[in-house]
PDB file of N, CA and C in Angstrom:
ATOM      1  N   MET A   1     -68.732   7.903 -69.550  1.00  0.00           N
ATOM      2  CA  MET A   1     -67.957   6.733 -69.805  1.00  0.00           C
ATOM      3  C   MET A   1     -66.477   7.065 -69.596  1.00  0.00           C
ATOM      4  N   ARG A   2     -65.768   6.130 -69.049  1.00  0.00           N
ATOM      5  CA  ARG A   2     -64.357   6.307 -68.740  1.00  0.00           C
ATOM      6  C   ARG A   2     -63.517   5.712 -69.866  1.00  0.00           C
ATOM      7  N   LYS A   3     -62.484   6.449 -70.278  1.00  0.00           N
ATOM      8  CA  LYS A   3     -61.602   5.992 -71.330  1.00  0.00           C
ATOM      9  C   LYS A   3     -60.269   5.555 -70.706  1.00  0.00           C
ATOM     10  N   THR A   4     -59.766   4.368 -71.095  1.00  0.00           N
ATOM     11  CA  THR A   4     -58.501   3.860 -70.573  1.00  0.00           C
ATOM     12  C   THR A   4     -57.421   4.042 -71.637  1.00  0.00           C
ATOM     13  N   VAL A   5     -56.315   4.611 -71.212  1.00  0.00           N
ATOM     14  CA  VAL A   5     -55.188   4.834 -72.123  1.00  0.00           C
ATOM     15  C   VAL A   5     -54.036   3.943 -71.673  1.00  0.00           C
ATOM     16  N   PRO A   6     -53.503   3.112 -72.576  1.00  0.00           N
ATOM     17  CA  PRO A   6     -52.376   2.277 -72.187  1.00  0.00           C
ATOM     18  C   PRO A   6     -51.150   3.158 -71.876  1.00  0.00           C
ATOM     19  N   ALA A   7     -50.411   2.762 -70.894  1.00  0.00           N
ATOM     20  CA  ALA A   7     -49.222   3.518 -70.501  1.00  0.00           C
ATOM     21  C   ALA A   7     -47.972   2.681 -70.767  1.00  0.00           C
ATOM     22  N   LEU A   8     -46.933   3.343 -71.097  1.00  0.00           N
ATOM     23  CA  LEU A   8     -45.649   2.688 -71.324  1.00  0.00           C
ATOM     24  C   LEU A   8     -44.781   2.947 -70.106  1.00  0.00           C
ATOM     25  N   LEU A   9     -44.299   1.890 -69.526  1.00  0.00           N
ATOM     26  CA  LEU A   9     -43.475   2.004 -68.335  1.00  0.00           C
ATOM     27  C   LEU A   9     -42.046   1.595 -68.697  1.00  0.00           C
ATOM     28  N   CYS A  10     -41.115   2.459 -68.446  1.00  0.00           N
ATOM     29  CA  CYS A  10     -39.706   2.172 -68.716  1.00  0.00           C
ATOM     30  C   CYS A  10     -38.951   2.127 -67.400  1.00  0.00           C
ATOM     31  N   LEU A  11     -38.202   1.081 -67.240  1.00  0.00           N
ATOM     32  CA  LEU A  11     -37.339   0.965 -66.073  1.00  0.00           C
ATOM     33  C   LEU A  11     -35.898   1.069 -66.545  1.00  0.00           C
ATOM     34  N   VAL A  12     -35.164   1.894 -65.891  1.00  0.00           N
ATOM     35  CA  VAL A  12     -33.765   2.075 -66.225  1.00  0.00           C
ATOM     36  C   VAL A  12     -32.940   1.602 -65.040  1.00  0.00           C
ATOM     37  N   THR A  13     -32.014   0.733 -65.322  1.00  0.00           N
ATOM     38  CA  THR A  13     -31.130   0.249 -64.281  1.00  0.00           C
ATOM     39  C   THR A  13     -29.819   0.995 -64.387  1.00  0.00           C
ATOM     40  N   LEU A  14     -29.450   1.631 -63.310  1.00  0.00           N
ATOM     41  CA  LEU A  14     -28.180   2.337 -63.276  1.00  0.00           C
ATOM     42  C   LEU A  14     -27.178   1.502 -62.498  1.00  0.00           C
ATOM     43  N   THR A  15     -26.026   1.346 -63.077  1.00  0.00           N
ATOM     44  CA  THR A  15     -24.973   0.624 -62.379  1.00  0.00           C
ATOM     45  C   THR A  15     -23.869   1.606 -62.031  1.00  0.00           C
ATOM     46  N   ALA A  16     -23.214   1.326 -60.952  1.00  0.00           N
ATOM     47  CA  ALA A  16     -22.104   2.183 -60.549  1.00  0.00           C
ATOM     48  C   ALA A  16     -20.986   2.040 -61.572  1.00  0.00           C
ATOM     49  N   PRO A  17     -20.267   3.122 -61.838  1.00  0.00           N
ATOM     50  CA  PRO A  17     -19.165   3.009 -62.784  1.00  0.00           C
ATOM     51  C   PRO A  17     -18.097   2.052 -62.261  1.00  0.00           C
ATOM     52  N   ALA A  18     -17.463   1.366 -63.180  1.00  0.00           N
ATOM     53  CA  ALA A  18     -16.419   0.420 -62.779  1.00  0.00           C
ATOM     54  C   ALA A  18     -15.287   1.165 -62.081  1.00  0.00           C
ATOM     55  N   THR A  19     -14.797   0.589 -61.024  1.00  0.00           N
ATOM     56  CA  THR A  19     -13.685   1.214 -60.325  1.00  0.00           C
ATOM     57  C   THR A  19     -12.381   0.713 -60.917  1.00  0.00           C
ATOM     58  N   ALA A  20     -11.408   1.566 -60.906  1.00  0.00           N
ATOM     59  CA  ALA A  20     -10.100   1.187 -61.423  1.00  0.00           C
ATOM     60  C   ALA A  20      -9.448   0.202 -60.467  1.00  0.00           C
ATOM     61  N   ALA A  21      -8.674  -0.668 -61.027  1.00  0.00           N
ATOM     62  CA  ALA A  21      -7.967  -1.647 -60.210  1.00  0.00           C
ATOM     63  C   ALA A  21      -7.006  -0.937 -59.269  1.00  0.00           C
ATOM     64  N   GLU A  22      -6.874  -1.479 -58.082  1.00  0.00           N
ATOM     65  CA  GLU A  22      -5.894  -0.965 -57.139  1.00  0.00           C
ATOM     66  C   GLU A  22      -4.617  -1.763 -57.348  1.00  0.00           C
ATOM     67  N   ILE A  23      -3.574  -1.081 -57.797  1.00  0.00           N
ATOM     68  CA  ILE A  23      -2.314  -1.744 -58.102  1.00  0.00           C
ATOM     69  C   ILE A  23      -1.200  -1.095 -57.286  1.00  0.00           C
ATOM     70  N   ARG A  24      -0.492  -1.928 -56.570  1.00  0.00           N
ATOM     71  CA  ARG A  24       0.622  -1.470 -55.752  1.00  0.00           C
ATOM     72  C   ARG A  24       1.895  -2.084 -56.322  1.00  0.00           C
ATOM     73  N   CYS A  25       2.961  -1.325 -56.345  1.00  0.00           N
ATOM     74  CA  CYS A  25       4.236  -1.827 -56.858  1.00  0.00           C
ATOM     75  C   CYS A  25       5.269  -1.843 -55.747  1.00  0.00           C
ATOM     76  N   THR A  26       6.006  -2.935 -55.707  1.00  0.00           N
ATOM     77  CA  THR A  26       7.065  -3.085 -54.717  1.00  0.00           C
ATOM     78  C   THR A  26       8.299  -3.647 -55.411  1.00  0.00           C
ATOM     79  N   GLY A  27       9.364  -3.715 -54.679  1.00  0.00           N
ATOM     80  CA  GLY A  27      10.579  -4.341 -55.194  1.00  0.00           C
ATOM     81  C   GLY A  27      11.602  -3.348 -55.678  1.00  0.00           C
ATOM     82  N   VAL A  28      12.505  -3.850 -56.479  1.00  0.00           N
ATOM     83  CA  VAL A  28      13.658  -3.068 -56.921  1.00  0.00           C
ATOM     84  C   VAL A  28      13.275  -2.052 -57.999  1.00  0.00           C
ATOM     85  N   SER A  29      14.098  -1.037 -58.129  1.00  0.00           N
ATOM     86  CA  SER A  29      13.975  -0.062 -59.200  1.00  0.00           C
ATOM     87  C   SER A  29      15.375   0.157 -59.744  1.00  0.00           C
ATOM     88  N   GLY A  30      15.524  -0.048 -61.034  1.00  0.00           N
ATOM     89  CA  GLY A  30      16.857   0.049 -61.608  1.00  0.00           C
ATOM     90  C   GLY A  30      16.844   0.600 -63.010  1.00  0.00           C
ATOM     91  N   HIS A  31      17.212  -0.220 -63.964  1.00  0.00           N
ATOM     92  CA  HIS A  31      17.432   0.173 -65.350  1.00  0.00           C
ATOM     93  C   HIS A  31      16.223   0.890 -65.973  1.00  0.00           C
ATOM     94  N   LEU A  32      15.065   0.292 -65.960  1.00  0.00           N
ATOM     95  CA  LEU A  32      13.872   0.910 -66.559  1.00  0.00           C
ATOM     96  C   LEU A  32      13.082   1.745 -65.559  1.00  0.00           C
ATOM     97  N   GLY A  33      13.201   1.435 -64.288  1.00  0.00           N
ATOM     98  CA  GLY A  33      12.527   2.205 -63.251  1.00  0.00           C
ATOM     99  C   GLY A  33      11.179   1.630 -62.865  1.00  0.00           C
ATOM    100  N   ARG A  34      10.971   1.520 -61.565  1.00  0.00           N
ATOM    101  CA  ARG A  34       9.733   0.938 -61.050  1.00  0.00           C
ATOM    102  C   ARG A  34       8.513   1.756 -61.469  1.00  0.00           C
ATOM    103  N   ASP A  35       8.638   3.086 -61.545  1.00  0.00           N
ATOM    104  CA  ASP A  35       7.488   3.913 -61.950  1.00  0.00           C
ATOM    105  C   ASP A  35       7.017   3.565 -63.355  1.00  0.00           C
ATOM    106  N   ARG A  36       7.963   3.344 -64.247  1.00  0.00           N
ATOM    107  CA  ARG A  36       7.620   2.987 -65.629  1.00  0.00           C
ATOM    108  C   ARG A  36       6.955   1.608 -65.683  1.00  0.00           C
ATOM    109  N   ILE A  37       7.472   0.689 -64.892  1.00  0.00           N
ATOM    110  CA  ILE A  37       6.903  -0.660 -64.843  1.00  0.00           C
ATOM    111  C   ILE A  37       5.496  -0.619 -64.256  1.00  0.00           C
ATOM    112  N   CYS A  38       5.315   0.165 -63.206  1.00  0.00           N
ATOM    113  CA  CYS A  38       3.994   0.287 -62.576  1.00  0.00           C
ATOM    114  C   CYS A  38       2.980   0.940 -63.507  1.00  0.00           C
ATOM    115  N   ALA A  39       3.415   1.897 -64.293  1.00  0.00           N
ATOM    116  CA  ALA A  39       2.510   2.516 -65.265  1.00  0.00           C
ATOM    117  C   ALA A  39       2.032   1.470 -66.272  1.00  0.00           C
ATOM    118  N   GLY A  40       2.923   0.597 -66.699  1.00  0.00           N
ATOM    119  CA  GLY A  40       2.540  -0.488 -67.609  1.00  0.00           C
ATOM    120  C   GLY A  40       1.554  -1.442 -66.968  1.00  0.00           C
ATOM    121  N   ALA A  41       1.738  -1.696 -65.672  1.00  0.00           N
ATOM    122  CA  ALA A  41       0.803  -2.572 -64.946  1.00  0.00           C
ATOM    123  C   ALA A  41      -0.576  -1.934 -64.887  1.00  0.00           C
ATOM    124  N   GLY A  42      -0.616  -0.636 -64.657  1.00  0.00           N
ATOM    125  CA  GLY A  42      -1.900   0.059 -64.597  1.00  0.00           C
ATOM    126  C   GLY A  42      -2.670  -0.049 -65.896  1.00  0.00           C
ATOM    127  N   GLU A  43      -1.979   0.040 -67.012  1.00  0.00           N
ATOM    128  CA  GLU A  43      -2.630  -0.080 -68.313  1.00  0.00           C
ATOM    129  C   GLU A  43      -3.113  -1.504 -68.563  1.00  0.00           C
ATOM    130  N   THR A  44      -2.300  -2.481 -68.202  1.00  0.00           N
ATOM    131  CA  THR A  44      -2.625  -3.883 -68.489  1.00  0.00           C
ATOM    132  C   THR A  44      -3.718  -4.434 -67.594  1.00  0.00           C
ATOM    133  N   PHE A  45      -3.690  -4.081 -66.319  1.00  0.00           N
ATOM    134  CA  PHE A  45      -4.593  -4.692 -65.348  1.00  0.00           C
ATOM    135  C   PHE A  45      -5.697  -3.747 -64.872  1.00  0.00           C
ATOM    136  N   ARG A  46      -5.978  -2.678 -65.597  1.00  0.00           N
ATOM    137  CA  ARG A  46      -6.964  -1.689 -65.136  1.00  0.00           C
ATOM    138  C   ARG A  46      -8.367  -2.270 -65.002  1.00  0.00           C
ATOM    139  N   SER A  47      -8.685  -3.330 -65.735  1.00  0.00           N
ATOM    140  CA  SER A  47     -10.032  -3.894 -65.665  1.00  0.00           C
ATOM    141  C   SER A  47     -10.178  -4.950 -64.569  1.00  0.00           C
ATOM    142  N   SER A  48      -9.109  -5.248 -63.872  1.00  0.00           N
ATOM    143  CA  SER A  48      -9.175  -6.253 -62.807  1.00  0.00           C
ATOM    144  C   SER A  48      -9.949  -5.705 -61.613  1.00  0.00           C
ATOM    145  N   SER A  49     -10.689  -6.572 -60.965  1.00  0.00           N
ATOM    146  CA  SER A  49     -11.438  -6.139 -59.786  1.00  0.00           C
ATOM    147  C   SER A  49     -10.684  -6.435 -58.495  1.00  0.00           C
ATOM    148  N   ALA A  50      -9.560  -7.126 -58.599  1.00  0.00           N
ATOM    149  CA  ALA A  50      -8.785  -7.479 -57.407  1.00  0.00           C
ATOM    150  C   ALA A  50      -7.750  -6.403 -57.113  1.00  0.00           C
ATOM    151  N   ALA A  51      -7.395  -6.264 -55.849  1.00  0.00           N
ATOM    152  CA  ALA A  51      -6.267  -5.414 -55.472  1.00  0.00           C
ATOM    153  C   ALA A  51      -5.002  -6.215 -55.759  1.00  0.00           C
ATOM    154  N   LEU A  52      -4.128  -5.662 -56.571  1.00  0.00           N
ATOM    155  CA  LEU A  52      -2.961  -6.393 -57.045  1.00  0.00           C
ATOM    156  C   LEU A  52      -1.671  -5.763 -56.559  1.00  0.00           C
ATOM    157  N   THR A  53      -0.649  -6.596 -56.416  1.00  0.00           N
ATOM    158  CA  THR A  53       0.692  -6.123 -56.120  1.00  0.00           C
ATOM    159  C   THR A  53       1.619  -6.654 -57.196  1.00  0.00           C
ATOM    160  N   ILE A  54       2.340  -5.748 -57.839  1.00  0.00           N
ATOM    161  CA  ILE A  54       3.376  -6.132 -58.788  1.00  0.00           C
ATOM    162  C   ILE A  54       4.687  -6.051 -58.024  1.00  0.00           C
ATOM    163  N   GLU A  55       5.361  -7.183 -57.901  1.00  0.00           N
ATOM    164  CA  GLU A  55       6.653  -7.219 -57.224  1.00  0.00           C
ATOM    165  C   GLU A  55       7.745  -7.303 -58.288  1.00  0.00           C
ATOM    166  N   VAL A  56       8.501  -6.222 -58.423  1.00  0.00           N
ATOM    167  CA  VAL A  56       9.601  -6.182 -59.381  1.00  0.00           C
ATOM    168  C   VAL A  56      10.790  -6.891 -58.739  1.00  0.00           C
ATOM    169  N   LEU A  57      11.207  -7.994 -59.333  1.00  0.00           N
ATOM    170  CA  LEU A  57      12.288  -8.806 -58.769  1.00  0.00           C
ATOM    171  C   LEU A  57      13.649  -8.407 -59.319  1.00  0.00           C
ATOM    172  N   GLN A  58      13.717  -8.099 -60.613  1.00  0.00           N
ATOM    173  CA  GLN A  58      14.959  -7.652 -61.240  1.00  0.00           C
ATOM    174  C   GLN A  58      14.630  -6.567 -62.252  1.00  0.00           C
ATOM    175  N   ASP A  59      15.440  -5.536 -62.260  1.00  0.00           N
ATOM    176  CA  ASP A  59      15.319  -4.449 -63.224  1.00  0.00           C
ATOM    177  C   ASP A  59      16.744  -4.074 -63.639  1.00  0.00           C
ATOM    178  N   GLU A  60      17.328  -4.935 -64.442  1.00  0.00           N
ATOM    179  CA  GLU A  60      18.714  -4.790 -64.878  1.00  0.00           C
ATOM    180  C   GLU A  60      18.739  -4.546 -66.386  1.00  0.00           C
ATOM    181  N   PRO A  61      19.852  -4.083 -66.921  1.00  0.00           N
ATOM    182  CA  PRO A  61      19.891  -3.793 -68.358  1.00  0.00           C
ATOM    183  C   PRO A  61      19.482  -4.964 -69.249  1.00  0.00           C
ATOM    184  N   ASN A  62      19.788  -6.196 -68.859  1.00  0.00           N
ATOM    185  CA  ASN A  62      19.475  -7.336 -69.720  1.00  0.00           C
ATOM    186  C   ASN A  62      18.400  -8.258 -69.168  1.00  0.00           C
ATOM    187  N   ARG A  63      17.821  -7.936 -68.024  1.00  0.00           N
ATOM    188  CA  ARG A  63      16.790  -8.801 -67.443  1.00  0.00           C
ATOM    189  C   ARG A  63      15.794  -7.958 -66.648  1.00  0.00           C
ATOM    190  N   LEU A  64      14.514  -8.220 -66.930  1.00  0.00           N
ATOM    191  CA  LEU A  64      13.413  -7.616 -66.192  1.00  0.00           C
ATOM    192  C   LEU A  64      12.523  -8.757 -65.734  1.00  0.00           C
ATOM    193  N   SER A  65      12.255  -8.826 -64.440  1.00  0.00           N
ATOM    194  CA  SER A  65      11.386  -9.904 -63.957  1.00  0.00           C
ATOM    195  C   SER A  65      10.495  -9.387 -62.843  1.00  0.00           C
ATOM    196  N   ALA A  66       9.325 -10.005 -62.762  1.00  0.00           N
ATOM    197  CA  ALA A  66       8.336  -9.608 -61.757  1.00  0.00           C
ATOM    198  C   ALA A  66       7.363 -10.752 -61.537  1.00  0.00           C
ATOM    199  N   ARG A  67       6.570 -10.610 -60.501  1.00  0.00           N
ATOM    200  CA  ARG A  67       5.445 -11.514 -60.278  1.00  0.00           C
ATOM    201  C   ARG A  67       4.293 -10.667 -59.759  1.00  0.00           C
ATOM    202  N   ILE A  68       3.111 -11.201 -59.920  1.00  0.00           N
ATOM    203  CA  ILE A  68       1.913 -10.486 -59.497  1.00  0.00           C
ATOM    204  C   ILE A  68       1.277 -11.252 -58.342  1.00  0.00           C
ATOM    205  N   GLY A  69       0.786 -10.510 -57.375  1.00  0.00           N
ATOM    206  CA  GLY A  69       0.139 -11.133 -56.239  1.00  0.00           C
ATOM    207  C   GLY A  69      -1.173 -10.436 -55.913  1.00  0.00           C
ATOM    208  N   TRP A  70      -2.000 -11.106 -55.136  1.00  0.00           N
ATOM    209  CA  TRP A  70      -3.285 -10.578 -54.687  1.00  0.00           C
ATOM    210  C   TRP A  70      -3.581 -11.237 -53.357  1.00  0.00           C
ATOM    211  N   SER A  71      -4.596 -10.810 -52.705  1.00  0.00           N
ATOM    212  CA  SER A  71      -4.949 -11.371 -51.401  1.00  0.00           C
ATOM    213  C   SER A  71      -5.226 -12.859 -51.555  1.00  0.00           C
ATOM    214  N   GLY A  72      -4.360 -13.674 -50.960  1.00  0.00           N
ATOM    215  CA  GLY A  72      -4.559 -15.119 -51.007  1.00  0.00           C
ATOM    216  C   GLY A  72      -3.929 -15.820 -52.184  1.00  0.00           C
ATOM    217  N   GLY A  73      -3.156 -15.123 -53.014  1.00  0.00           N
ATOM    218  CA  GLY A  73      -2.557 -15.804 -54.149  1.00  0.00           C
ATOM    219  C   GLY A  73      -1.370 -15.061 -54.732  1.00  0.00           C
ATOM    220  N   GLN A  74      -0.644 -15.777 -55.563  1.00  0.00           N
ATOM    221  CA  GLN A  74       0.518 -15.200 -56.225  1.00  0.00           C
ATOM    222  C   GLN A  74       0.764 -15.946 -57.521  1.00  0.00           C
ATOM    223  N   GLY A  75       1.092 -15.202 -58.551  1.00  0.00           N
ATOM    224  CA  GLY A  75       1.404 -15.807 -59.835  1.00  0.00           C
ATOM    225  C   GLY A  75       2.875 -16.159 -59.931  1.00  0.00           C
ATOM    226  N   PRO A  76       3.252 -16.813 -61.030  1.00  0.00           N
ATOM    227  CA  PRO A  76       4.651 -17.206 -61.211  1.00  0.00           C
ATOM    228  C   PRO A  76       5.536 -16.017 -61.581  1.00  0.00           C
ATOM    229  N   ARG A  77       6.809 -16.211 -61.418  1.00  0.00           N
ATOM    230  CA  ARG A  77       7.794 -15.212 -61.837  1.00  0.00           C
ATOM    231  C   ARG A  77       7.820 -15.201 -63.366  1.00  0.00           C
ATOM    232  N   VAL A  78       7.839 -14.007 -63.935  1.00  0.00           N
ATOM    233  CA  VAL A  78       7.923 -13.850 -65.385  1.00  0.00           C
ATOM    234  C   VAL A  78       9.165 -13.018 -65.682  1.00  0.00           C
ATOM    235  N   ASP A  79       9.954 -13.482 -66.650  1.00  0.00           N
ATOM    236  CA  ASP A  79      11.195 -12.804 -67.037  1.00  0.00           C
ATOM    237  C   ASP A  79      11.134 -12.349 -68.484  1.00  0.00           C
ATOM    238  N   VAL A  80      11.722 -11.185 -68.736  1.00  0.00           N
ATOM    239  CA  VAL A  80      11.985 -10.717 -70.092  1.00  0.00           C
ATOM    240  C   VAL A  80      13.486 -10.470 -70.137  1.00  0.00           C
ATOM    241  N   THR A  81      14.168 -11.095 -71.100  1.00  0.00           N
ATOM    242  CA  THR A  81      15.622 -10.964 -71.179  1.00  0.00           C
ATOM    243  C   THR A  81      16.058 -10.579 -72.586  1.00  0.00           C
ATOM    244  N   SER A  82      17.240 -10.019 -72.647  1.00  0.00           N
ATOM    245  CA  SER A  82      17.873  -9.696 -73.909  1.00  0.00           C
ATOM    246  C   SER A  82      19.363  -9.932 -73.734  1.00  0.00           C
ATOM    247  N   PRO A  83      19.892 -11.009 -74.304  1.00  0.00           N
ATOM    248  CA  PRO A  83      21.290 -11.348 -74.058  1.00  0.00           C
ATOM    249  C   PRO A  83      22.301 -10.428 -74.737  1.00  0.00           C
ATOM    250  N   ASP A  84      21.910  -9.760 -75.828  1.00  0.00           N
ATOM    251  CA  ASP A  84      22.906  -9.014 -76.584  1.00  0.00           C
ATOM    252  C   ASP A  84      22.792  -7.492 -76.527  1.00  0.00           C
ATOM    253  N   GLN A  85      21.708  -6.970 -75.987  1.00  0.00           N
ATOM    254  CA  GLN A  85      21.582  -5.513 -75.881  1.00  0.00           C
ATOM    255  C   GLN A  85      20.679  -5.159 -74.708  1.00  0.00           C
ATOM    256  N   PRO A  86      20.815  -3.955 -74.167  1.00  0.00           N
ATOM    257  CA  PRO A  86      19.981  -3.566 -73.026  1.00  0.00           C
ATOM    258  C   PRO A  86      18.503  -3.497 -73.408  1.00  0.00           C
ATOM    259  N   LEU A  87      17.667  -3.830 -72.453  1.00  0.00           N
ATOM    260  CA  LEU A  87      16.224  -3.742 -72.644  1.00  0.00           C
ATOM    261  C   LEU A  87      15.811  -2.282 -72.768  1.00  0.00           C
ATOM    262  N   ASP A  88      14.757  -2.047 -73.537  1.00  0.00           N
ATOM    263  CA  ASP A  88      14.205  -0.701 -73.635  1.00  0.00           C
ATOM    264  C   ASP A  88      12.745  -0.733 -73.190  1.00  0.00           C
ATOM    265  N   GLY A  89      12.017   0.328 -73.418  1.00  0.00           N
ATOM    266  CA  GLY A  89      10.636   0.441 -72.960  1.00  0.00           C
ATOM    267  C   GLY A  89       9.703  -0.630 -73.483  1.00  0.00           C
ATOM    268  N   ARG A  90      10.051  -1.291 -74.581  1.00  0.00           N
ATOM    269  CA  ARG A  90       9.200  -2.358 -75.122  1.00  0.00           C
ATOM    270  C   ARG A  90       9.170  -3.582 -74.220  1.00  0.00           C
ATOM    271  N   ALA A  91      10.127  -3.676 -73.306  1.00  0.00           N
ATOM    272  CA  ALA A  91      10.165  -4.820 -72.395  1.00  0.00           C
ATOM    273  C   ALA A  91       9.007  -4.787 -71.391  1.00  0.00           C
ATOM    274  N   VAL A  92       8.546  -3.594 -71.029  1.00  0.00           N
ATOM    275  CA  VAL A  92       7.484  -3.477 -70.021  1.00  0.00           C
ATOM    276  C   VAL A  92       6.178  -4.096 -70.511  1.00  0.00           C
ATOM    277  N   PRO A  93       5.666  -3.751 -71.699  1.00  0.00           N
ATOM    278  CA  PRO A  93       4.440  -4.412 -72.167  1.00  0.00           C
ATOM    279  C   PRO A  93       4.612  -5.921 -72.326  1.00  0.00           C
ATOM    280  N   ARG A  94       5.790  -6.362 -72.753  1.00  0.00           N
ATOM    281  CA  ARG A  94       6.024  -7.811 -72.869  1.00  0.00           C
ATOM    282  C   ARG A  94       5.954  -8.475 -71.497  1.00  0.00           C
ATOM    283  N   LEU A  95       6.521  -7.817 -70.491  1.00  0.00           N
ATOM    284  CA  LEU A  95       6.452  -8.356 -69.135  1.00  0.00           C
ATOM    285  C   LEU A  95       5.005  -8.423 -68.662  1.00  0.00           C
ATOM    286  N   MET A  96       4.238  -7.369 -68.889  1.00  0.00           N
ATOM    287  CA  MET A  96       2.841  -7.340 -68.439  1.00  0.00           C
ATOM    288  C   MET A  96       2.008  -8.390 -69.168  1.00  0.00           C
ATOM    289  N   GLN A  97       2.247  -8.579 -70.456  1.00  0.00           N
ATOM    290  CA  GLN A  97       1.531  -9.624 -71.198  1.00  0.00           C
ATOM    291  C   GLN A  97       1.871 -10.995 -70.635  1.00  0.00           C
ATOM    292  N   GLY A  98       3.131 -11.192 -70.286  1.00  0.00           N
ATOM    293  CA  GLY A  98       3.540 -12.460 -69.688  1.00  0.00           C
ATOM    294  C   GLY A  98       2.877 -12.696 -68.347  1.00  0.00           C
ATOM    295  N   LEU A  99       2.794 -11.637 -67.522  1.00  0.00           N
ATOM    296  CA  LEU A  99       2.138 -11.761 -66.228  1.00  0.00           C
ATOM    297  C   LEU A  99       0.661 -12.070 -66.399  1.00  0.00           C
ATOM    298  N   ARG A 100       0.007 -11.368 -67.304  1.00  0.00           N
ATOM    299  CA  ARG A 100      -1.423 -11.590 -67.520  1.00  0.00           C
ATOM    300  C   ARG A 100      -1.682 -12.983 -68.073  1.00  0.00           C
ATOM    301  N   GLY A 101      -0.861 -13.425 -69.000  1.00  0.00           N
ATOM    302  CA  GLY A 101      -1.060 -14.718 -69.634  1.00  0.00           C
ATOM    303  C   GLY A 101      -0.742 -15.918 -68.747  1.00  0.00           C
ATOM    304  N   SER A 102       0.100 -15.713 -67.752  1.00  0.00           N
ATOM    305  CA  SER A 102       0.506 -16.852 -66.912  1.00  0.00           C
ATOM    306  C   SER A 102      -0.188 -16.879 -65.559  1.00  0.00           C
ATOM    307  N   THR A 103      -1.095 -15.955 -65.336  1.00  0.00           N
ATOM    308  CA  THR A 103      -1.706 -15.835 -64.010  1.00  0.00           C
ATOM    309  C   THR A 103      -3.223 -15.861 -64.123  1.00  0.00           C
ATOM    310  N   ASP A 104      -3.866 -16.727 -63.340  1.00  0.00           N
ATOM    311  CA  ASP A 104      -5.320 -16.743 -63.246  1.00  0.00           C
ATOM    312  C   ASP A 104      -5.723 -15.822 -62.105  1.00  0.00           C
ATOM    313  N   LEU A 105      -6.098 -14.611 -62.456  1.00  0.00           N
ATOM    314  CA  LEU A 105      -6.483 -13.638 -61.439  1.00  0.00           C
ATOM    315  C   LEU A 105      -7.872 -13.957 -60.904  1.00  0.00           C
ATOM    316  N   PRO A 106      -8.121 -13.614 -59.639  1.00  0.00           N
ATOM    317  CA  PRO A 106      -9.454 -13.859 -59.081  1.00  0.00           C
ATOM    318  C   PRO A 106     -10.505 -12.989 -59.736  1.00  0.00           C
TER     319      PRO A 106
END
């Protein structure tokens, strides 16, 4: 007589690891520095699947402005200003939050 043993079959789905967003920075470099601004963009937009360009429009002691673009689109200009004292490193995360909040990324 033949004995049948039930078997357990497990299927594992492997997904490729998420790739980091491709972020390119262009534009002016001044008071805070484009490298510092780009580092902030990398932290803020790392989960994006689109190739992004951060265009730094102004990097002055009292004004930081930029816009974000991607293939086929561009977000609005976002400004961070301080009328009475020079901007410091806290302006970069505020700028990135403004860009993320005002832009519908693909």
